[in-house]
N, C-alpha and C. Protein backbone atom coordinates (compact mmCIF):
# COMPACT_ATOMS: atom_id res chain seq x y z
N MET A 1 -14.92 50.49 4.10
CA MET A 1 -15.75 49.44 4.65
C MET A 1 -15.65 48.17 3.78
N ARG A 2 -15.73 48.39 2.47
CA ARG A 2 -15.64 47.24 1.57
C ARG A 2 -14.27 46.57 1.67
N ARG A 3 -13.26 47.41 1.81
CA ARG A 3 -11.91 46.88 1.91
C ARG A 3 -11.77 46.00 3.16
N ALA A 4 -12.30 46.43 4.28
CA ALA A 4 -12.25 45.67 5.53
C ALA A 4 -13.00 44.35 5.38
N ALA A 5 -14.16 44.39 4.72
CA ALA A 5 -14.93 43.17 4.51
C ALA A 5 -14.18 42.20 3.61
N LEU A 6 -13.55 42.72 2.56
CA LEU A 6 -12.79 41.90 1.64
C LEU A 6 -11.60 41.25 2.34
N VAL A 7 -10.89 42.03 3.14
CA VAL A 7 -9.76 41.50 3.91
C VAL A 7 -10.24 40.43 4.89
N GLY A 8 -11.38 40.65 5.52
CA GLY A 8 -11.94 39.67 6.45
C GLY A 8 -12.31 38.37 5.75
N VAL A 9 -12.94 38.47 4.59
CA VAL A 9 -13.31 37.27 3.82
C VAL A 9 -12.05 36.55 3.35
N LEU A 10 -11.07 37.28 2.86
CA LEU A 10 -9.82 36.69 2.41
C LEU A 10 -9.11 35.97 3.56
N ALA A 11 -9.06 36.59 4.72
CA ALA A 11 -8.44 35.97 5.90
C ALA A 11 -9.18 34.69 6.29
N LEU A 12 -10.50 34.71 6.19
CA LEU A 12 -11.30 33.53 6.52
C LEU A 12 -11.01 32.39 5.55
N VAL A 13 -10.96 32.71 4.27
CA VAL A 13 -10.70 31.68 3.25
C VAL A 13 -9.30 31.09 3.42
N VAL A 14 -8.30 31.94 3.57
CA VAL A 14 -6.93 31.47 3.72
C VAL A 14 -6.78 30.69 5.03
N GLY A 15 -7.33 31.22 6.10
CA GLY A 15 -7.25 30.55 7.40
C GLY A 15 -7.91 29.19 7.39
N THR A 16 -9.08 29.11 6.76
CA THR A 16 -9.79 27.83 6.69
C THR A 16 -8.99 26.82 5.89
N GLY A 17 -8.39 27.26 4.79
CA GLY A 17 -7.57 26.36 3.97
C GLY A 17 -6.39 25.82 4.75
N CYS A 18 -5.72 26.69 5.49
CA CYS A 18 -4.57 26.26 6.28
C CYS A 18 -4.98 25.32 7.40
N ILE A 19 -6.09 25.63 8.04
CA ILE A 19 -6.59 24.76 9.12
C ILE A 19 -6.98 23.41 8.55
N GLY A 20 -7.64 23.42 7.39
CA GLY A 20 -8.03 22.16 6.75
C GLY A 20 -6.83 21.31 6.38
N THR A 21 -5.80 21.95 5.84
CA THR A 21 -4.57 21.23 5.49
C THR A 21 -3.91 20.68 6.74
N ALA A 22 -3.84 21.46 7.78
CA ALA A 22 -3.23 21.00 9.04
C ALA A 22 -4.01 19.82 9.61
N ALA A 23 -5.34 19.89 9.56
CA ALA A 23 -6.16 18.79 10.07
C ALA A 23 -5.93 17.52 9.26
N LYS A 24 -5.89 17.65 7.94
CA LYS A 24 -5.65 16.48 7.09
C LYS A 24 -4.28 15.89 7.37
N GLN A 25 -3.26 16.74 7.51
CA GLN A 25 -1.92 16.24 7.78
C GLN A 25 -1.85 15.52 9.13
N ALA A 26 -2.61 16.00 10.11
CA ALA A 26 -2.65 15.33 11.41
C ALA A 26 -3.23 13.93 11.27
N VAL A 27 -4.31 13.80 10.49
CA VAL A 27 -4.92 12.49 10.26
C VAL A 27 -3.96 11.58 9.52
N TYR A 28 -3.34 12.08 8.45
CA TYR A 28 -2.39 11.27 7.68
C TYR A 28 -1.20 10.85 8.53
N GLY A 29 -0.77 11.71 9.44
CA GLY A 29 0.34 11.38 10.31
C GLY A 29 0.03 10.24 11.25
N VAL A 30 -1.23 10.11 11.64
CA VAL A 30 -1.65 9.03 12.54
C VAL A 30 -1.91 7.74 11.77
N THR A 31 -2.60 7.84 10.64
CA THR A 31 -3.02 6.64 9.91
C THR A 31 -1.93 6.04 9.05
N GLY A 32 -0.91 6.80 8.72
CA GLY A 32 0.16 6.27 7.90
C GLY A 32 -0.22 6.21 6.43
N ALA A 33 0.47 5.37 5.70
CA ALA A 33 0.28 5.27 4.26
C ALA A 33 -1.11 4.74 3.94
N SER A 34 -1.64 5.24 2.84
CA SER A 34 -2.93 4.72 2.38
C SER A 34 -2.66 3.61 1.37
N ALA A 35 -3.65 2.77 1.17
CA ALA A 35 -3.50 1.60 0.32
C ALA A 35 -4.73 1.40 -0.55
N ARG A 36 -4.48 0.90 -1.75
CA ARG A 36 -5.60 0.53 -2.61
C ARG A 36 -5.15 -0.60 -3.52
N TYR A 37 -6.13 -1.35 -3.99
CA TYR A 37 -5.82 -2.41 -4.94
C TYR A 37 -6.90 -2.45 -6.01
N TYR A 38 -6.54 -2.99 -7.16
CA TYR A 38 -7.46 -3.18 -8.26
C TYR A 38 -7.22 -4.58 -8.80
N GLU A 39 -8.24 -5.42 -8.74
CA GLU A 39 -8.10 -6.79 -9.21
C GLU A 39 -8.13 -6.86 -10.73
N ILE A 40 -7.12 -7.49 -11.29
CA ILE A 40 -7.06 -7.74 -12.73
C ILE A 40 -7.71 -9.09 -13.01
N LYS A 41 -7.37 -10.07 -12.17
CA LYS A 41 -7.97 -11.41 -12.24
C LYS A 41 -8.40 -11.76 -10.82
N SER A 42 -9.69 -11.90 -10.61
CA SER A 42 -10.21 -12.18 -9.27
C SER A 42 -9.75 -13.55 -8.79
N ALA A 43 -9.40 -13.62 -7.52
CA ALA A 43 -9.01 -14.89 -6.91
C ALA A 43 -10.22 -15.77 -6.62
N GLY A 44 -11.42 -15.27 -6.83
CA GLY A 44 -12.64 -16.05 -6.59
C GLY A 44 -13.54 -15.35 -5.59
N GLY A 45 -14.35 -16.14 -4.92
CA GLY A 45 -15.32 -15.59 -3.98
C GLY A 45 -14.72 -15.22 -2.64
N GLU A 46 -15.62 -14.98 -1.68
CA GLU A 46 -15.20 -14.51 -0.35
C GLU A 46 -14.45 -15.55 0.47
N THR A 47 -14.47 -16.81 0.06
CA THR A 47 -13.76 -17.86 0.80
C THR A 47 -12.71 -18.56 -0.06
N ALA A 48 -12.35 -17.99 -1.19
CA ALA A 48 -11.44 -18.64 -2.14
C ALA A 48 -10.07 -18.95 -1.55
N LEU A 49 -9.60 -18.16 -0.59
CA LEU A 49 -8.27 -18.38 -0.02
C LEU A 49 -8.31 -19.11 1.32
N ASP A 50 -9.48 -19.51 1.76
CA ASP A 50 -9.61 -20.22 3.04
C ASP A 50 -8.87 -21.56 3.05
N ARG A 51 -8.68 -22.17 1.91
CA ARG A 51 -8.07 -23.51 1.83
C ARG A 51 -6.57 -23.49 2.12
N PHE A 52 -5.96 -22.32 2.12
CA PHE A 52 -4.52 -22.23 2.33
C PHE A 52 -4.21 -22.04 3.82
N ASN A 53 -3.25 -22.84 4.32
CA ASN A 53 -2.83 -22.74 5.72
C ASN A 53 -1.51 -22.00 5.88
N ALA A 54 -0.82 -21.81 4.78
CA ALA A 54 0.48 -21.14 4.85
C ALA A 54 0.61 -20.18 3.67
N VAL A 55 1.31 -19.09 3.91
CA VAL A 55 1.57 -18.10 2.87
C VAL A 55 3.07 -17.79 2.85
N GLY A 56 3.61 -17.74 1.66
CA GLY A 56 4.98 -17.30 1.45
C GLY A 56 4.95 -16.02 0.64
N VAL A 57 5.78 -15.08 1.01
CA VAL A 57 5.84 -13.80 0.30
C VAL A 57 7.22 -13.66 -0.33
N ALA A 58 7.26 -13.66 -1.65
CA ALA A 58 8.53 -13.50 -2.36
C ALA A 58 8.91 -12.02 -2.39
N ALA A 59 10.20 -11.75 -2.52
CA ALA A 59 10.66 -10.37 -2.71
C ALA A 59 10.18 -9.93 -4.09
N PHE A 60 9.56 -8.77 -4.16
CA PHE A 60 9.02 -8.28 -5.43
C PHE A 60 10.17 -7.90 -6.37
N ASP A 61 9.93 -8.09 -7.65
CA ASP A 61 10.92 -7.87 -8.70
C ASP A 61 10.98 -6.39 -9.09
N PRO A 62 12.14 -5.74 -8.92
CA PRO A 62 12.24 -4.32 -9.28
C PRO A 62 12.63 -4.08 -10.74
N SER A 63 12.96 -5.15 -11.50
CA SER A 63 13.53 -4.96 -12.84
C SER A 63 12.63 -4.23 -13.84
N PRO A 64 11.28 -4.34 -13.77
CA PRO A 64 10.48 -3.57 -14.73
C PRO A 64 10.70 -2.06 -14.63
N MET A 65 11.17 -1.59 -13.50
CA MET A 65 11.38 -0.15 -13.30
C MET A 65 12.79 0.30 -13.70
N GLN A 66 13.61 -0.62 -14.19
CA GLN A 66 14.94 -0.34 -14.73
C GLN A 66 15.78 0.58 -13.83
N GLY A 67 15.86 0.23 -12.57
CA GLY A 67 16.71 0.96 -11.64
C GLY A 67 16.05 2.14 -10.94
N ALA A 68 14.81 2.45 -11.25
CA ALA A 68 14.14 3.60 -10.63
C ALA A 68 13.69 3.33 -9.21
N VAL A 69 13.55 2.06 -8.85
CA VAL A 69 13.12 1.69 -7.50
C VAL A 69 14.37 1.52 -6.63
N PRO A 70 14.45 2.20 -5.49
CA PRO A 70 15.62 2.04 -4.61
C PRO A 70 15.84 0.57 -4.23
N ALA A 71 17.11 0.20 -4.10
CA ALA A 71 17.48 -1.19 -3.84
C ALA A 71 16.86 -1.75 -2.56
N ALA A 72 16.57 -0.92 -1.58
CA ALA A 72 16.02 -1.39 -0.30
C ALA A 72 14.54 -1.72 -0.38
N ILE A 73 13.85 -1.26 -1.40
CA ILE A 73 12.39 -1.42 -1.47
C ILE A 73 11.93 -2.88 -1.49
N PRO A 74 12.50 -3.79 -2.32
CA PRO A 74 11.97 -5.16 -2.34
C PRO A 74 11.93 -5.83 -0.96
N GLN A 75 12.99 -5.68 -0.18
CA GLN A 75 13.01 -6.29 1.15
C GLN A 75 12.01 -5.62 2.08
N LYS A 76 11.90 -4.30 2.01
CA LYS A 76 10.96 -3.57 2.86
C LYS A 76 9.51 -3.95 2.54
N VAL A 77 9.19 -4.08 1.26
CA VAL A 77 7.83 -4.47 0.87
C VAL A 77 7.55 -5.91 1.31
N GLN A 78 8.50 -6.80 1.10
CA GLN A 78 8.33 -8.19 1.53
C GLN A 78 8.05 -8.25 3.03
N ALA A 79 8.84 -7.54 3.82
CA ALA A 79 8.64 -7.52 5.28
C ALA A 79 7.29 -6.92 5.65
N ALA A 80 6.86 -5.87 4.96
CA ALA A 80 5.57 -5.24 5.26
C ALA A 80 4.40 -6.16 4.93
N VAL A 81 4.49 -6.88 3.81
CA VAL A 81 3.41 -7.81 3.45
C VAL A 81 3.35 -8.94 4.48
N VAL A 82 4.50 -9.49 4.85
CA VAL A 82 4.53 -10.55 5.88
C VAL A 82 3.92 -10.03 7.18
N LYS A 83 4.30 -8.83 7.58
CA LYS A 83 3.79 -8.23 8.82
C LYS A 83 2.27 -8.10 8.79
N HIS A 84 1.73 -7.53 7.73
CA HIS A 84 0.28 -7.29 7.67
C HIS A 84 -0.51 -8.59 7.57
N LEU A 85 -0.01 -9.57 6.82
CA LEU A 85 -0.73 -10.84 6.73
C LEU A 85 -0.63 -11.62 8.04
N THR A 86 0.49 -11.51 8.74
CA THR A 86 0.64 -12.17 10.05
C THR A 86 -0.32 -11.55 11.06
N GLU A 87 -0.37 -10.21 11.10
CA GLU A 87 -1.26 -9.51 12.04
C GLU A 87 -2.73 -9.81 11.77
N SER A 88 -3.07 -10.14 10.54
CA SER A 88 -4.47 -10.41 10.19
C SER A 88 -4.97 -11.73 10.78
N LYS A 89 -4.06 -12.64 11.10
CA LYS A 89 -4.38 -13.95 11.67
C LYS A 89 -5.27 -14.80 10.74
N MET A 90 -5.21 -14.53 9.44
CA MET A 90 -5.98 -15.32 8.48
C MET A 90 -5.32 -16.67 8.23
N PHE A 91 -3.99 -16.72 8.38
CA PHE A 91 -3.24 -17.94 8.07
C PHE A 91 -2.37 -18.31 9.26
N PRO A 92 -2.26 -19.62 9.57
CA PRO A 92 -1.41 -20.04 10.69
C PRO A 92 0.07 -19.72 10.49
N ALA A 93 0.52 -19.73 9.22
CA ALA A 93 1.94 -19.48 8.95
C ALA A 93 2.09 -18.50 7.79
N VAL A 94 2.85 -17.44 8.03
CA VAL A 94 3.18 -16.47 6.98
C VAL A 94 4.69 -16.24 7.07
N THR A 95 5.39 -16.49 5.96
CA THR A 95 6.84 -16.36 5.97
C THR A 95 7.33 -15.63 4.72
N ALA A 96 8.54 -15.12 4.82
CA ALA A 96 9.21 -14.57 3.65
C ALA A 96 9.77 -15.74 2.85
N GLY A 97 9.59 -15.72 1.55
CA GLY A 97 10.08 -16.79 0.70
C GLY A 97 8.97 -17.71 0.23
N THR A 98 9.35 -18.89 -0.18
CA THR A 98 8.42 -19.86 -0.75
C THR A 98 7.66 -20.59 0.36
N PRO A 99 6.35 -20.74 0.22
CA PRO A 99 5.58 -21.48 1.22
C PRO A 99 5.73 -22.99 0.99
N PRO A 100 5.33 -23.80 1.96
CA PRO A 100 5.33 -25.25 1.73
C PRO A 100 4.32 -25.61 0.65
N ALA A 101 4.45 -26.81 0.11
CA ALA A 101 3.51 -27.28 -0.91
C ALA A 101 2.09 -27.14 -0.38
N GLY A 102 1.20 -26.68 -1.22
CA GLY A 102 -0.17 -26.47 -0.79
C GLY A 102 -0.40 -25.10 -0.19
N GLY A 103 0.64 -24.30 -0.14
CA GLY A 103 0.52 -22.94 0.41
C GLY A 103 0.21 -21.93 -0.69
N LEU A 104 0.06 -20.70 -0.27
CA LEU A 104 -0.21 -19.59 -1.17
C LEU A 104 1.06 -18.75 -1.29
N LEU A 105 1.46 -18.46 -2.51
CA LEU A 105 2.62 -17.62 -2.76
C LEU A 105 2.15 -16.25 -3.24
N VAL A 106 2.66 -15.21 -2.60
CA VAL A 106 2.40 -13.84 -3.06
C VAL A 106 3.69 -13.35 -3.70
N ARG A 107 3.62 -13.06 -4.99
CA ARG A 107 4.79 -12.54 -5.69
C ARG A 107 4.38 -11.32 -6.51
N GLY A 108 5.34 -10.49 -6.83
CA GLY A 108 4.98 -9.29 -7.57
C GLY A 108 6.16 -8.63 -8.23
N LYS A 109 5.84 -7.60 -9.00
CA LYS A 109 6.86 -6.79 -9.66
C LYS A 109 6.42 -5.34 -9.60
N PHE A 110 7.39 -4.47 -9.39
CA PHE A 110 7.10 -3.05 -9.27
C PHE A 110 6.84 -2.46 -10.65
N MET A 111 5.77 -1.66 -10.74
CA MET A 111 5.36 -1.10 -12.02
C MET A 111 5.43 0.42 -12.07
N ASP A 112 5.36 1.09 -10.92
CA ASP A 112 5.40 2.56 -10.90
C ASP A 112 5.89 3.03 -9.54
N PHE A 113 6.64 4.12 -9.55
CA PHE A 113 7.20 4.66 -8.31
C PHE A 113 7.43 6.15 -8.48
N ASP A 114 7.02 6.92 -7.50
CA ASP A 114 7.33 8.34 -7.47
C ASP A 114 7.67 8.69 -6.03
N PRO A 115 8.91 9.10 -5.77
CA PRO A 115 9.31 9.40 -4.40
C PRO A 115 8.74 10.70 -3.85
N GLY A 116 8.01 11.46 -4.68
CA GLY A 116 7.48 12.74 -4.19
C GLY A 116 8.62 13.71 -4.01
N GLY A 117 8.73 14.29 -2.84
CA GLY A 117 9.88 15.11 -2.53
C GLY A 117 9.70 16.61 -2.66
N SER A 118 8.55 17.08 -3.05
CA SER A 118 8.35 18.52 -3.16
C SER A 118 8.26 19.14 -1.77
N ALA A 119 9.01 20.22 -1.57
CA ALA A 119 8.96 20.92 -0.28
C ALA A 119 7.59 21.55 -0.05
N LEU A 120 6.86 21.79 -1.12
CA LEU A 120 5.53 22.40 -1.00
C LEU A 120 4.44 21.38 -0.65
N ARG A 121 4.81 20.08 -0.61
CA ARG A 121 3.82 19.05 -0.31
C ARG A 121 3.17 19.27 1.05
N ALA A 122 3.90 19.81 2.00
CA ALA A 122 3.36 20.06 3.34
C ALA A 122 2.21 21.06 3.31
N MET A 123 2.18 21.86 2.26
CA MET A 123 1.10 22.85 2.13
C MET A 123 0.02 22.38 1.15
N GLY A 124 0.10 21.13 0.72
CA GLY A 124 -0.94 20.60 -0.14
C GLY A 124 -0.63 20.65 -1.62
N PHE A 125 0.59 20.99 -1.99
CA PHE A 125 0.97 21.05 -3.40
C PHE A 125 1.98 19.95 -3.70
N GLY A 126 2.04 19.51 -4.93
CA GLY A 126 3.02 18.50 -5.33
C GLY A 126 2.41 17.11 -5.32
N VAL A 127 3.21 16.16 -5.74
CA VAL A 127 2.77 14.77 -5.88
C VAL A 127 3.05 14.01 -4.58
N ASP A 128 2.05 13.25 -4.12
CA ASP A 128 2.26 12.37 -2.98
C ASP A 128 3.12 11.20 -3.43
N PRO A 129 4.11 10.78 -2.63
CA PRO A 129 4.91 9.62 -2.99
C PRO A 129 4.02 8.38 -3.10
N PHE A 130 4.29 7.54 -4.11
CA PHE A 130 3.52 6.31 -4.25
C PHE A 130 4.40 5.21 -4.84
N LEU A 131 3.97 3.98 -4.59
CA LEU A 131 4.64 2.79 -5.11
C LEU A 131 3.56 1.81 -5.54
N THR A 132 3.64 1.35 -6.78
CA THR A 132 2.65 0.43 -7.33
C THR A 132 3.33 -0.86 -7.78
N ALA A 133 2.70 -1.98 -7.47
CA ALA A 133 3.20 -3.28 -7.90
C ALA A 133 2.06 -4.10 -8.49
N GLN A 134 2.39 -4.94 -9.44
CA GLN A 134 1.45 -5.93 -9.95
C GLN A 134 1.76 -7.21 -9.19
N ILE A 135 0.77 -7.76 -8.50
CA ILE A 135 1.02 -8.97 -7.73
C ILE A 135 0.22 -10.14 -8.27
N GLU A 136 0.72 -11.33 -7.96
CA GLU A 136 0.03 -12.56 -8.30
C GLU A 136 -0.14 -13.38 -7.02
N LEU A 137 -1.30 -13.97 -6.88
CA LEU A 137 -1.55 -14.95 -5.82
C LEU A 137 -1.46 -16.30 -6.50
N VAL A 138 -0.51 -17.12 -6.05
CA VAL A 138 -0.19 -18.37 -6.74
C VAL A 138 -0.40 -19.55 -5.81
N ASP A 139 -1.08 -20.59 -6.30
CA ASP A 139 -1.18 -21.86 -5.58
C ASP A 139 0.18 -22.52 -5.70
N ALA A 140 0.93 -22.60 -4.60
CA ALA A 140 2.29 -23.12 -4.63
C ALA A 140 2.35 -24.59 -5.03
N GLY A 141 1.29 -25.35 -4.76
CA GLY A 141 1.28 -26.76 -5.12
C GLY A 141 1.22 -26.98 -6.63
N SER A 142 0.40 -26.22 -7.31
CA SER A 142 0.22 -26.39 -8.76
C SER A 142 0.94 -25.32 -9.58
N ASN A 143 1.49 -24.31 -8.92
CA ASN A 143 2.12 -23.16 -9.57
C ASN A 143 1.15 -22.41 -10.48
N GLN A 144 -0.14 -22.50 -10.15
CA GLN A 144 -1.18 -21.83 -10.93
C GLN A 144 -1.49 -20.46 -10.33
N VAL A 145 -1.53 -19.44 -11.18
CA VAL A 145 -1.90 -18.10 -10.74
C VAL A 145 -3.41 -18.09 -10.54
N ILE A 146 -3.84 -17.82 -9.30
CA ILE A 146 -5.29 -17.83 -9.02
C ILE A 146 -5.86 -16.43 -8.89
N GLY A 147 -5.00 -15.43 -8.80
CA GLY A 147 -5.46 -14.05 -8.72
C GLY A 147 -4.35 -13.09 -9.09
N MET A 148 -4.74 -11.93 -9.62
CA MET A 148 -3.76 -10.92 -10.01
C MET A 148 -4.35 -9.55 -9.72
N ALA A 149 -3.51 -8.64 -9.25
CA ALA A 149 -4.00 -7.30 -8.91
C ALA A 149 -2.88 -6.28 -8.99
N MET A 150 -3.29 -5.03 -9.10
CA MET A 150 -2.37 -3.90 -8.95
C MET A 150 -2.57 -3.38 -7.52
N VAL A 151 -1.49 -3.20 -6.79
CA VAL A 151 -1.57 -2.68 -5.42
C VAL A 151 -0.72 -1.42 -5.33
N THR A 152 -1.23 -0.44 -4.60
CA THR A 152 -0.52 0.84 -4.49
C THR A 152 -0.51 1.33 -3.05
N GLY A 153 0.65 1.76 -2.61
CA GLY A 153 0.79 2.44 -1.34
C GLY A 153 1.10 3.91 -1.62
N THR A 154 0.40 4.80 -0.94
CA THR A 154 0.59 6.24 -1.13
C THR A 154 0.81 6.90 0.23
N VAL A 155 1.79 7.78 0.31
CA VAL A 155 2.05 8.52 1.54
C VAL A 155 1.50 9.93 1.36
N LYS A 156 0.46 10.24 2.12
CA LYS A 156 -0.15 11.57 2.04
C LYS A 156 0.37 12.50 3.13
N SER A 157 1.02 11.93 4.12
CA SER A 157 1.56 12.73 5.22
C SER A 157 2.82 13.46 4.79
N ALA A 158 2.95 14.70 5.21
CA ALA A 158 4.17 15.45 4.95
C ALA A 158 5.23 15.14 6.00
N VAL A 159 4.82 14.48 7.08
CA VAL A 159 5.72 14.18 8.18
C VAL A 159 6.22 12.74 8.10
N ARG A 160 5.29 11.80 7.95
CA ARG A 160 5.66 10.39 7.87
C ARG A 160 5.93 10.05 6.41
N THR A 161 7.16 10.14 6.01
CA THR A 161 7.52 9.87 4.63
C THR A 161 8.61 8.82 4.59
N GLY A 162 8.98 8.41 3.41
CA GLY A 162 10.10 7.50 3.27
C GLY A 162 9.69 6.14 2.73
N LEU A 163 10.71 5.34 2.50
CA LEU A 163 10.52 4.02 1.89
C LEU A 163 9.73 3.08 2.79
N ASP A 164 9.94 3.18 4.11
CA ASP A 164 9.19 2.30 5.03
C ASP A 164 7.70 2.56 4.94
N GLU A 165 7.32 3.83 4.83
CA GLU A 165 5.89 4.18 4.72
C GLU A 165 5.30 3.66 3.40
N LEU A 166 6.05 3.81 2.30
CA LEU A 166 5.56 3.30 1.02
C LEU A 166 5.40 1.79 1.06
N ALA A 167 6.38 1.10 1.63
CA ALA A 167 6.31 -0.35 1.75
C ALA A 167 5.11 -0.76 2.60
N ASP A 168 4.87 -0.02 3.67
CA ASP A 168 3.72 -0.31 4.54
C ASP A 168 2.41 -0.15 3.78
N GLY A 169 2.32 0.85 2.93
CA GLY A 169 1.11 1.04 2.12
C GLY A 169 0.87 -0.13 1.18
N VAL A 170 1.92 -0.63 0.55
CA VAL A 170 1.78 -1.80 -0.32
C VAL A 170 1.37 -3.02 0.50
N GLY A 171 1.96 -3.18 1.69
CA GLY A 171 1.57 -4.28 2.57
C GLY A 171 0.11 -4.23 2.96
N LYS A 172 -0.39 -3.03 3.26
CA LYS A 172 -1.81 -2.86 3.59
C LYS A 172 -2.69 -3.22 2.39
N ALA A 173 -2.25 -2.84 1.18
CA ALA A 173 -3.04 -3.13 -0.02
C ALA A 173 -3.13 -4.63 -0.27
N VAL A 174 -2.02 -5.34 -0.11
CA VAL A 174 -2.03 -6.80 -0.28
C VAL A 174 -2.95 -7.43 0.76
N LYS A 175 -2.85 -6.98 1.99
CA LYS A 175 -3.73 -7.49 3.05
C LYS A 175 -5.20 -7.26 2.68
N GLY A 176 -5.53 -6.08 2.20
CA GLY A 176 -6.91 -5.78 1.80
C GLY A 176 -7.40 -6.70 0.71
N LEU A 177 -6.55 -6.97 -0.27
CA LEU A 177 -6.91 -7.89 -1.35
C LEU A 177 -7.16 -9.29 -0.82
N VAL A 178 -6.25 -9.79 0.02
CA VAL A 178 -6.39 -11.14 0.56
C VAL A 178 -7.63 -11.23 1.45
N GLU A 179 -7.90 -10.21 2.24
CA GLU A 179 -9.10 -10.20 3.10
C GLU A 179 -10.38 -10.33 2.28
N ARG A 180 -10.38 -9.77 1.10
CA ARG A 180 -11.57 -9.84 0.23
C ARG A 180 -11.93 -11.28 -0.13
N HIS A 181 -10.93 -12.16 -0.12
CA HIS A 181 -11.14 -13.54 -0.54
C HIS A 181 -10.90 -14.55 0.58
N HIS A 182 -11.00 -14.10 1.82
CA HIS A 182 -10.80 -14.98 2.97
C HIS A 182 -11.86 -14.67 4.02
N SER A 183 -12.46 -15.71 4.58
CA SER A 183 -13.57 -15.50 5.53
C SER A 183 -13.10 -15.09 6.92
N LYS A 184 -11.84 -15.33 7.26
CA LYS A 184 -11.36 -15.05 8.62
C LYS A 184 -10.58 -13.75 8.70
N HIS A 185 -11.20 -12.66 8.31
CA HIS A 185 -10.50 -11.38 8.41
C HIS A 185 -11.15 -10.52 9.48
N ASP A 186 -10.41 -9.44 9.86
CA ASP A 186 -10.86 -8.54 10.94
C ASP A 186 -12.27 -8.06 10.70
């Protein structure tokens, strides 16, 4: 009798864990990469970036990682940041490269990268892939750094993986940071 009860409890615990992991993976598969940022130097208050009408996004510098960041990442991150800032409708113009005088420049350098890759990640073990960059928000007219932050994109999904997902996470993090200092966000 005790053996049957023990087997039943064990089956319940294992089954619940597997169901929980499957449910989390389903959510991660839908939501995509997660994003977070940490401000090192605040860009100011909730309307600090309202004065800018244009944003330029430079390709992030991979050199601090001494070759550990895949060559395709800078362009993918630049495109993801442009995409997320454009979709936010906070600025009339968002482009890759340098903004016009009086615009806001987003530039950065990659500081940490882990591609993940464990086959056991699908079962909840191993490191989630992540990409971290230190970014600067720069007044293009004066070339003054007005804000600085660490931004990270993390892929928690075992299905939606790859460089595009990591770049999208960094793009979401930059968007979140900019929204914090702009009154016209979602």
